[in-house]
């Protein structure tokens, strides 16, 4: 019997764990305006996730899509710098990964809302590949 982890085969890619950004996370938790945080730290996916979620919640679907896509691309850059090859686990349980995953989730929801079925499907596939629990945790279908 082969050794299995919660992410499947041990011979597959190791989970990518992004480094945290204490200053950004502290600013957001202390209710600093996410737009200011994103302007000061444009590479921080979590700031874009806050903006995207707020826009989606207030019915600004196109703004949510744009914020989410920005955070998604910033997250891809960060993931690649940390050894991710475009596939493999990006665990939701690791807090610094959540900015990226939250952006993917909002992008999926916004794409679905505007009828962009291909993008919606790509985002769901990416979430599933990153962490099968992420979509459920983030309320994406």
N, C-alpha and C. Protein backbone atom coordinates (compact mmCIF):
# COMPACT_ATOMS: atom_id res chain seq x y z
N UNK A 1 0.85 -1.18 0.00
CA UNK A 1 0.00 0.00 0.00
C UNK A 1 0.89 1.24 0.00
N UNK A 2 0.63 2.16 -0.90
CA UNK A 2 1.46 3.36 -1.02
C UNK A 2 1.14 4.38 0.06
N UNK A 3 2.10 5.19 0.37
CA UNK A 3 1.89 6.26 1.35
C UNK A 3 1.04 7.35 0.71
N UNK A 4 0.04 7.76 1.41
CA UNK A 4 -0.85 8.81 0.88
C UNK A 4 -0.90 9.97 1.86
N UNK A 5 -1.06 11.14 1.32
CA UNK A 5 -1.27 12.32 2.16
C UNK A 5 -2.66 12.83 1.86
N UNK A 6 -3.05 13.88 2.53
CA UNK A 6 -4.37 14.45 2.25
C UNK A 6 -4.40 15.03 0.84
N UNK A 7 -3.23 15.21 0.22
CA UNK A 7 -3.19 15.74 -1.14
C UNK A 7 -2.80 14.68 -2.15
N UNK A 8 -2.92 13.39 -1.78
CA UNK A 8 -2.69 12.34 -2.75
C UNK A 8 -1.26 11.83 -2.74
N UNK A 9 -0.76 11.50 -3.89
CA UNK A 9 0.51 10.82 -4.07
C UNK A 9 1.69 11.65 -3.59
N UNK A 10 2.54 11.05 -2.78
CA UNK A 10 3.73 11.73 -2.29
C UNK A 10 4.71 12.06 -3.40
N UNK A 11 4.61 11.37 -4.53
CA UNK A 11 5.51 11.63 -5.64
C UNK A 11 5.06 12.85 -6.45
N UNK A 12 3.86 13.31 -6.22
CA UNK A 12 3.37 14.50 -6.91
C UNK A 12 4.04 15.75 -6.36
N UNK A 13 3.69 16.92 -6.91
CA UNK A 13 4.31 18.15 -6.42
C UNK A 13 3.98 18.40 -4.95
N UNK A 14 4.95 18.94 -4.25
CA UNK A 14 4.72 19.31 -2.85
C UNK A 14 3.77 20.50 -2.79
N UNK A 15 2.99 20.59 -1.71
CA UNK A 15 2.11 21.76 -1.56
C UNK A 15 2.93 23.06 -1.56
N UNK A 16 2.40 24.06 -2.25
CA UNK A 16 3.05 25.37 -2.26
C UNK A 16 2.47 26.20 -1.12
N UNK A 17 3.35 26.70 -0.27
CA UNK A 17 2.95 27.50 0.88
C UNK A 17 3.55 28.89 0.72
N UNK A 18 2.70 29.86 0.41
CA UNK A 18 3.19 31.22 0.21
C UNK A 18 3.64 31.83 1.53
N UNK A 19 4.63 32.71 1.45
CA UNK A 19 5.02 33.44 2.67
C UNK A 19 3.93 34.45 3.01
N UNK A 20 3.75 34.72 4.25
CA UNK A 20 2.77 35.72 4.64
C UNK A 20 3.33 37.13 4.51
N UNK A 21 2.45 38.11 4.59
CA UNK A 21 2.86 39.51 4.62
C UNK A 21 2.17 40.14 5.82
N UNK A 22 2.90 40.16 6.94
CA UNK A 22 2.31 40.59 8.21
C UNK A 22 1.76 42.01 8.14
N UNK A 23 2.46 42.90 7.46
CA UNK A 23 2.01 44.29 7.39
C UNK A 23 0.67 44.40 6.66
N UNK A 24 0.55 43.74 5.53
CA UNK A 24 -0.70 43.78 4.76
C UNK A 24 -1.83 43.15 5.57
N UNK A 25 -1.57 41.98 6.13
CA UNK A 25 -2.62 41.28 6.88
C UNK A 25 -3.06 42.09 8.08
N UNK A 26 -2.11 42.71 8.77
CA UNK A 26 -2.42 43.55 9.92
C UNK A 26 -3.27 44.76 9.50
N UNK A 27 -2.87 45.42 8.42
CA UNK A 27 -3.62 46.58 7.92
C UNK A 27 -5.08 46.19 7.63
N UNK A 28 -5.26 45.06 6.93
CA UNK A 28 -6.62 44.64 6.55
C UNK A 28 -7.43 44.25 7.79
N UNK A 29 -6.81 43.52 8.70
CA UNK A 29 -7.52 43.11 9.92
C UNK A 29 -7.88 44.32 10.78
N UNK A 30 -7.10 45.39 10.67
CA UNK A 30 -7.38 46.62 11.42
C UNK A 30 -8.25 47.60 10.62
N UNK A 31 -8.90 47.07 9.59
CA UNK A 31 -9.91 47.82 8.81
C UNK A 31 -9.35 49.00 8.03
N UNK A 32 -8.07 48.95 7.67
CA UNK A 32 -7.55 49.96 6.76
C UNK A 32 -8.24 49.76 5.41
N UNK A 33 -8.50 50.84 4.71
CA UNK A 33 -9.18 50.76 3.41
C UNK A 33 -8.40 49.82 2.48
N UNK A 34 -9.05 48.75 2.00
CA UNK A 34 -8.35 47.80 1.13
C UNK A 34 -7.79 48.44 -0.14
N UNK A 35 -8.42 49.50 -0.64
CA UNK A 35 -7.89 50.18 -1.83
C UNK A 35 -6.54 50.82 -1.51
N UNK A 36 -6.41 51.39 -0.32
CA UNK A 36 -5.12 51.97 0.09
C UNK A 36 -4.08 50.87 0.26
N UNK A 37 -4.50 49.75 0.85
CA UNK A 37 -3.57 48.64 1.06
C UNK A 37 -3.10 48.09 -0.29
N UNK A 38 -4.04 47.95 -1.24
CA UNK A 38 -3.68 47.46 -2.58
C UNK A 38 -2.74 48.43 -3.29
N UNK A 39 -2.97 49.73 -3.10
CA UNK A 39 -2.10 50.73 -3.73
C UNK A 39 -0.69 50.68 -3.14
N UNK A 40 -0.61 50.47 -1.83
CA UNK A 40 0.69 50.41 -1.16
C UNK A 40 1.41 49.08 -1.38
N UNK A 41 0.62 48.00 -1.58
CA UNK A 41 1.16 46.64 -1.72
C UNK A 41 0.47 45.96 -2.91
N UNK A 42 0.74 46.41 -4.14
CA UNK A 42 -0.01 45.89 -5.30
C UNK A 42 0.22 44.41 -5.59
N UNK A 43 1.24 43.81 -5.00
CA UNK A 43 1.47 42.38 -5.24
C UNK A 43 0.71 41.50 -4.25
N UNK A 44 0.02 42.09 -3.28
CA UNK A 44 -0.66 41.32 -2.23
C UNK A 44 -2.05 40.89 -2.69
N UNK A 45 -2.20 39.63 -3.04
CA UNK A 45 -3.49 39.11 -3.49
C UNK A 45 -4.60 39.33 -2.47
N UNK A 46 -4.25 39.27 -1.19
CA UNK A 46 -5.29 39.39 -0.17
C UNK A 46 -5.97 40.75 -0.22
N UNK A 47 -5.24 41.81 -0.53
CA UNK A 47 -5.86 43.13 -0.65
C UNK A 47 -6.85 43.16 -1.82
N UNK A 48 -6.45 42.55 -2.93
CA UNK A 48 -7.35 42.47 -4.10
C UNK A 48 -8.57 41.60 -3.79
N UNK A 49 -8.37 40.56 -2.98
CA UNK A 49 -9.49 39.69 -2.59
C UNK A 49 -10.52 40.49 -1.80
N UNK A 50 -10.06 41.32 -0.86
CA UNK A 50 -10.98 42.16 -0.08
C UNK A 50 -11.77 43.07 -1.02
N UNK A 51 -11.08 43.71 -1.96
CA UNK A 51 -11.75 44.61 -2.91
C UNK A 51 -12.74 43.86 -3.78
N UNK A 52 -12.33 42.69 -4.27
CA UNK A 52 -13.19 41.89 -5.15
C UNK A 52 -14.44 41.42 -4.43
N UNK A 53 -14.27 40.94 -3.21
CA UNK A 53 -15.44 40.44 -2.45
C UNK A 53 -16.40 41.57 -2.13
N UNK A 54 -15.88 42.73 -1.74
CA UNK A 54 -16.74 43.87 -1.43
C UNK A 54 -17.50 44.32 -2.67
N UNK A 55 -16.82 44.36 -3.81
CA UNK A 55 -17.49 44.77 -5.06
C UNK A 55 -18.57 43.77 -5.44
N UNK A 56 -18.27 42.48 -5.32
CA UNK A 56 -19.27 41.47 -5.66
C UNK A 56 -20.47 41.57 -4.74
N UNK A 57 -20.22 41.76 -3.45
CA UNK A 57 -21.31 41.87 -2.47
C UNK A 57 -22.19 43.08 -2.73
N UNK A 58 -21.62 44.14 -3.31
CA UNK A 58 -22.42 45.34 -3.56
C UNK A 58 -22.96 45.39 -4.99
N UNK A 59 -22.86 44.27 -5.72
CA UNK A 59 -23.45 44.19 -7.05
C UNK A 59 -22.60 44.79 -8.16
N UNK A 60 -21.37 45.13 -7.87
CA UNK A 60 -20.47 45.69 -8.89
C UNK A 60 -19.66 44.55 -9.52
N UNK A 61 -20.36 43.77 -10.35
CA UNK A 61 -19.79 42.52 -10.86
C UNK A 61 -18.54 42.75 -11.70
N UNK A 62 -18.55 43.76 -12.55
CA UNK A 62 -17.40 43.99 -13.43
C UNK A 62 -16.19 44.47 -12.62
N UNK A 63 -16.42 45.32 -11.64
CA UNK A 63 -15.32 45.74 -10.76
C UNK A 63 -14.79 44.53 -9.99
N UNK A 64 -15.69 43.68 -9.51
CA UNK A 64 -15.27 42.48 -8.78
C UNK A 64 -14.41 41.60 -9.68
N UNK A 65 -14.83 41.44 -10.92
CA UNK A 65 -14.10 40.63 -11.89
C UNK A 65 -12.70 41.20 -12.08
N UNK A 66 -12.61 42.51 -12.25
CA UNK A 66 -11.31 43.15 -12.49
C UNK A 66 -10.40 43.05 -11.27
N UNK A 67 -10.93 43.32 -10.09
CA UNK A 67 -10.13 43.18 -8.87
C UNK A 67 -9.66 41.73 -8.70
N UNK A 68 -10.58 40.79 -8.90
CA UNK A 68 -10.25 39.37 -8.71
C UNK A 68 -9.20 38.92 -9.71
N UNK A 69 -9.32 39.38 -10.96
CA UNK A 69 -8.35 38.98 -11.97
C UNK A 69 -6.96 39.55 -11.63
N UNK A 70 -6.93 40.77 -11.12
CA UNK A 70 -5.65 41.37 -10.72
C UNK A 70 -5.02 40.55 -9.60
N UNK A 71 -5.81 40.24 -8.57
CA UNK A 71 -5.29 39.45 -7.45
C UNK A 71 -4.87 38.05 -7.86
N UNK A 72 -5.62 37.49 -8.79
CA UNK A 72 -5.31 36.16 -9.33
C UNK A 72 -3.95 36.18 -10.02
N UNK A 73 -3.72 37.18 -10.88
CA UNK A 73 -2.43 37.25 -11.59
C UNK A 73 -1.28 37.54 -10.64
N UNK A 74 -1.50 38.43 -9.65
CA UNK A 74 -0.45 38.69 -8.65
C UNK A 74 -0.15 37.43 -7.87
N UNK A 75 -1.19 36.65 -7.57
CA UNK A 75 -1.01 35.39 -6.86
C UNK A 75 -0.25 34.36 -7.68
N UNK A 76 -0.56 34.29 -8.98
CA UNK A 76 0.18 33.36 -9.85
C UNK A 76 1.66 33.70 -9.86
N UNK A 77 1.98 35.00 -9.95
CA UNK A 77 3.38 35.43 -9.92
C UNK A 77 4.05 34.96 -8.63
N UNK A 78 3.37 35.17 -7.51
CA UNK A 78 3.93 34.81 -6.21
C UNK A 78 4.08 33.29 -6.09
N UNK A 79 3.07 32.55 -6.55
CA UNK A 79 3.15 31.09 -6.50
C UNK A 79 4.34 30.58 -7.30
N UNK A 80 4.52 31.13 -8.51
CA UNK A 80 5.64 30.68 -9.35
C UNK A 80 6.98 31.01 -8.70
N UNK A 81 7.08 32.18 -8.07
CA UNK A 81 8.32 32.54 -7.38
C UNK A 81 8.61 31.58 -6.23
N UNK A 82 7.56 30.92 -5.74
CA UNK A 82 7.71 29.99 -4.61
C UNK A 82 7.68 28.53 -5.06
N UNK A 83 7.95 28.29 -6.34
CA UNK A 83 8.17 26.93 -6.82
C UNK A 83 7.00 26.23 -7.47
N UNK A 84 5.84 26.87 -7.53
CA UNK A 84 4.66 26.25 -8.15
C UNK A 84 4.84 26.20 -9.65
N UNK A 85 4.50 25.09 -10.27
CA UNK A 85 4.71 24.90 -11.70
C UNK A 85 3.42 25.03 -12.53
N UNK A 86 2.38 25.58 -11.95
CA UNK A 86 1.13 25.72 -12.68
C UNK A 86 0.10 24.65 -12.34
N UNK A 87 0.48 23.75 -11.45
CA UNK A 87 -0.44 22.71 -10.99
C UNK A 87 0.05 22.22 -9.65
N UNK A 88 -0.82 21.50 -8.97
CA UNK A 88 -0.43 20.93 -7.68
C UNK A 88 -1.02 21.71 -6.52
N UNK A 89 -0.90 21.15 -5.33
CA UNK A 89 -1.59 21.68 -4.16
C UNK A 89 -1.17 23.09 -3.74
N UNK A 90 -2.19 23.90 -3.49
CA UNK A 90 -2.03 25.22 -2.86
C UNK A 90 -3.05 25.21 -1.72
N UNK A 91 -2.67 24.65 -0.56
CA UNK A 91 -3.66 24.39 0.49
C UNK A 91 -4.35 25.63 1.05
N UNK A 92 -5.67 25.54 1.12
CA UNK A 92 -6.48 26.61 1.72
C UNK A 92 -6.18 26.75 3.20
N UNK A 93 -5.80 25.65 3.85
CA UNK A 93 -5.52 25.67 5.29
C UNK A 93 -4.34 26.58 5.64
N UNK A 94 -3.47 26.86 4.65
CA UNK A 94 -2.32 27.75 4.86
C UNK A 94 -2.79 29.19 4.61
N UNK A 95 -2.93 29.95 5.68
CA UNK A 95 -3.53 31.29 5.61
C UNK A 95 -2.99 32.18 4.49
N UNK A 96 -1.66 32.28 4.29
CA UNK A 96 -1.16 33.17 3.22
C UNK A 96 -1.58 32.76 1.81
N UNK A 97 -2.04 31.52 1.61
CA UNK A 97 -2.54 31.09 0.29
C UNK A 97 -3.94 31.62 0.01
N UNK A 98 -4.64 32.08 1.04
CA UNK A 98 -6.06 32.38 0.89
C UNK A 98 -6.35 33.60 0.03
N UNK A 99 -5.44 34.58 -0.01
CA UNK A 99 -5.68 35.75 -0.87
C UNK A 99 -5.84 35.31 -2.31
N UNK A 100 -4.91 34.50 -2.78
CA UNK A 100 -4.98 33.97 -4.14
C UNK A 100 -6.25 33.15 -4.35
N UNK A 101 -6.51 32.21 -3.45
CA UNK A 101 -7.68 31.33 -3.60
C UNK A 101 -8.98 32.12 -3.55
N UNK A 102 -9.05 33.13 -2.69
CA UNK A 102 -10.26 33.98 -2.62
C UNK A 102 -10.45 34.74 -3.92
N UNK A 103 -9.36 35.20 -4.53
CA UNK A 103 -9.47 35.89 -5.82
C UNK A 103 -9.99 34.94 -6.90
N UNK A 104 -9.49 33.72 -6.93
CA UNK A 104 -9.97 32.74 -7.91
C UNK A 104 -11.46 32.49 -7.70
N UNK A 105 -11.89 32.39 -6.45
CA UNK A 105 -13.30 32.15 -6.15
C UNK A 105 -14.18 33.31 -6.62
N UNK A 106 -13.77 34.55 -6.36
CA UNK A 106 -14.57 35.69 -6.82
C UNK A 106 -14.57 35.76 -8.34
N UNK A 107 -13.43 35.47 -8.96
CA UNK A 107 -13.37 35.46 -10.42
C UNK A 107 -14.34 34.44 -10.98
N UNK A 108 -14.43 33.27 -10.35
CA UNK A 108 -15.38 32.24 -10.78
C UNK A 108 -16.81 32.76 -10.67
N UNK A 109 -17.14 33.37 -9.54
CA UNK A 109 -18.50 33.84 -9.31
C UNK A 109 -18.86 34.98 -10.26
N UNK A 110 -17.92 35.90 -10.47
CA UNK A 110 -18.17 37.03 -11.37
C UNK A 110 -18.29 36.55 -12.82
N UNK A 111 -17.43 35.61 -13.21
CA UNK A 111 -17.50 35.06 -14.57
C UNK A 111 -18.85 34.39 -14.81
N UNK A 112 -19.30 33.65 -13.81
CA UNK A 112 -20.61 32.99 -13.93
C UNK A 112 -21.71 34.02 -14.06
N UNK A 113 -21.62 35.10 -13.29
CA UNK A 113 -22.66 36.14 -13.30
C UNK A 113 -22.76 36.85 -14.65
N UNK A 114 -21.64 36.97 -15.37
CA UNK A 114 -21.69 37.64 -16.67
C UNK A 114 -21.78 36.65 -17.83
N UNK A 115 -21.93 35.37 -17.50
CA UNK A 115 -22.13 34.37 -18.54
C UNK A 115 -20.85 33.91 -19.22
N UNK A 116 -19.71 34.09 -18.57
CA UNK A 116 -18.45 33.65 -19.14
C UNK A 116 -18.16 32.23 -18.65
N UNK A 117 -18.82 31.28 -19.29
CA UNK A 117 -18.80 29.89 -18.82
C UNK A 117 -17.41 29.27 -18.84
N UNK A 118 -16.61 29.56 -19.86
CA UNK A 118 -15.27 28.98 -19.94
C UNK A 118 -14.40 29.42 -18.77
N UNK A 119 -14.43 30.72 -18.47
CA UNK A 119 -13.62 31.24 -17.37
C UNK A 119 -14.11 30.66 -16.03
N UNK A 120 -15.43 30.58 -15.87
CA UNK A 120 -16.01 29.99 -14.67
C UNK A 120 -15.48 28.56 -14.48
N UNK A 121 -15.51 27.77 -15.55
CA UNK A 121 -15.05 26.38 -15.49
C UNK A 121 -13.56 26.31 -15.18
N UNK A 122 -12.75 27.18 -15.80
CA UNK A 122 -11.30 27.19 -15.55
C UNK A 122 -11.01 27.50 -14.08
N UNK A 123 -11.75 28.45 -13.54
CA UNK A 123 -11.53 28.82 -12.13
C UNK A 123 -11.91 27.67 -11.20
N UNK A 124 -13.02 27.00 -11.50
CA UNK A 124 -13.42 25.86 -10.67
C UNK A 124 -12.38 24.75 -10.75
N UNK A 125 -11.86 24.50 -11.96
CA UNK A 125 -10.83 23.47 -12.12
C UNK A 125 -9.57 23.84 -11.34
N UNK A 126 -9.19 25.13 -11.39
CA UNK A 126 -8.00 25.57 -10.68
C UNK A 126 -8.18 25.41 -9.17
N UNK A 127 -9.35 25.82 -8.67
CA UNK A 127 -9.61 25.65 -7.23
C UNK A 127 -9.54 24.18 -6.84
N UNK A 128 -10.13 23.32 -7.66
CA UNK A 128 -10.13 21.88 -7.39
C UNK A 128 -8.70 21.34 -7.37
N UNK A 129 -7.87 21.80 -8.31
CA UNK A 129 -6.49 21.35 -8.38
C UNK A 129 -5.68 21.88 -7.19
N UNK A 130 -5.94 23.12 -6.80
CA UNK A 130 -5.20 23.72 -5.69
C UNK A 130 -5.55 23.05 -4.37
N UNK A 131 -6.84 22.90 -4.12
CA UNK A 131 -7.30 22.30 -2.87
C UNK A 131 -8.78 21.97 -3.01
N UNK A 132 -9.12 20.69 -3.06
CA UNK A 132 -10.52 20.31 -3.23
C UNK A 132 -11.47 20.91 -2.20
N UNK A 133 -10.93 21.30 -1.05
CA UNK A 133 -11.79 21.90 -0.02
C UNK A 133 -12.03 23.40 -0.24
N UNK A 134 -11.19 24.02 -1.07
CA UNK A 134 -11.25 25.49 -1.22
C UNK A 134 -12.59 25.99 -1.75
N UNK A 135 -13.10 25.35 -2.82
CA UNK A 135 -14.36 25.82 -3.41
C UNK A 135 -15.49 25.77 -2.39
N UNK A 136 -15.55 24.69 -1.64
CA UNK A 136 -16.58 24.57 -0.62
C UNK A 136 -16.40 25.63 0.47
N UNK A 137 -15.16 25.78 0.94
CA UNK A 137 -14.88 26.78 1.97
C UNK A 137 -15.27 28.19 1.51
N UNK A 138 -15.08 28.44 0.22
CA UNK A 138 -15.31 29.78 -0.33
C UNK A 138 -16.70 29.95 -0.95
N UNK A 139 -17.52 28.91 -0.84
CA UNK A 139 -18.91 29.00 -1.32
C UNK A 139 -19.05 29.14 -2.82
N UNK A 140 -18.18 28.47 -3.58
CA UNK A 140 -18.22 28.54 -5.04
C UNK A 140 -18.80 27.24 -5.58
N UNK A 141 -19.65 27.38 -6.62
CA UNK A 141 -20.21 26.18 -7.26
C UNK A 141 -20.05 26.30 -8.75
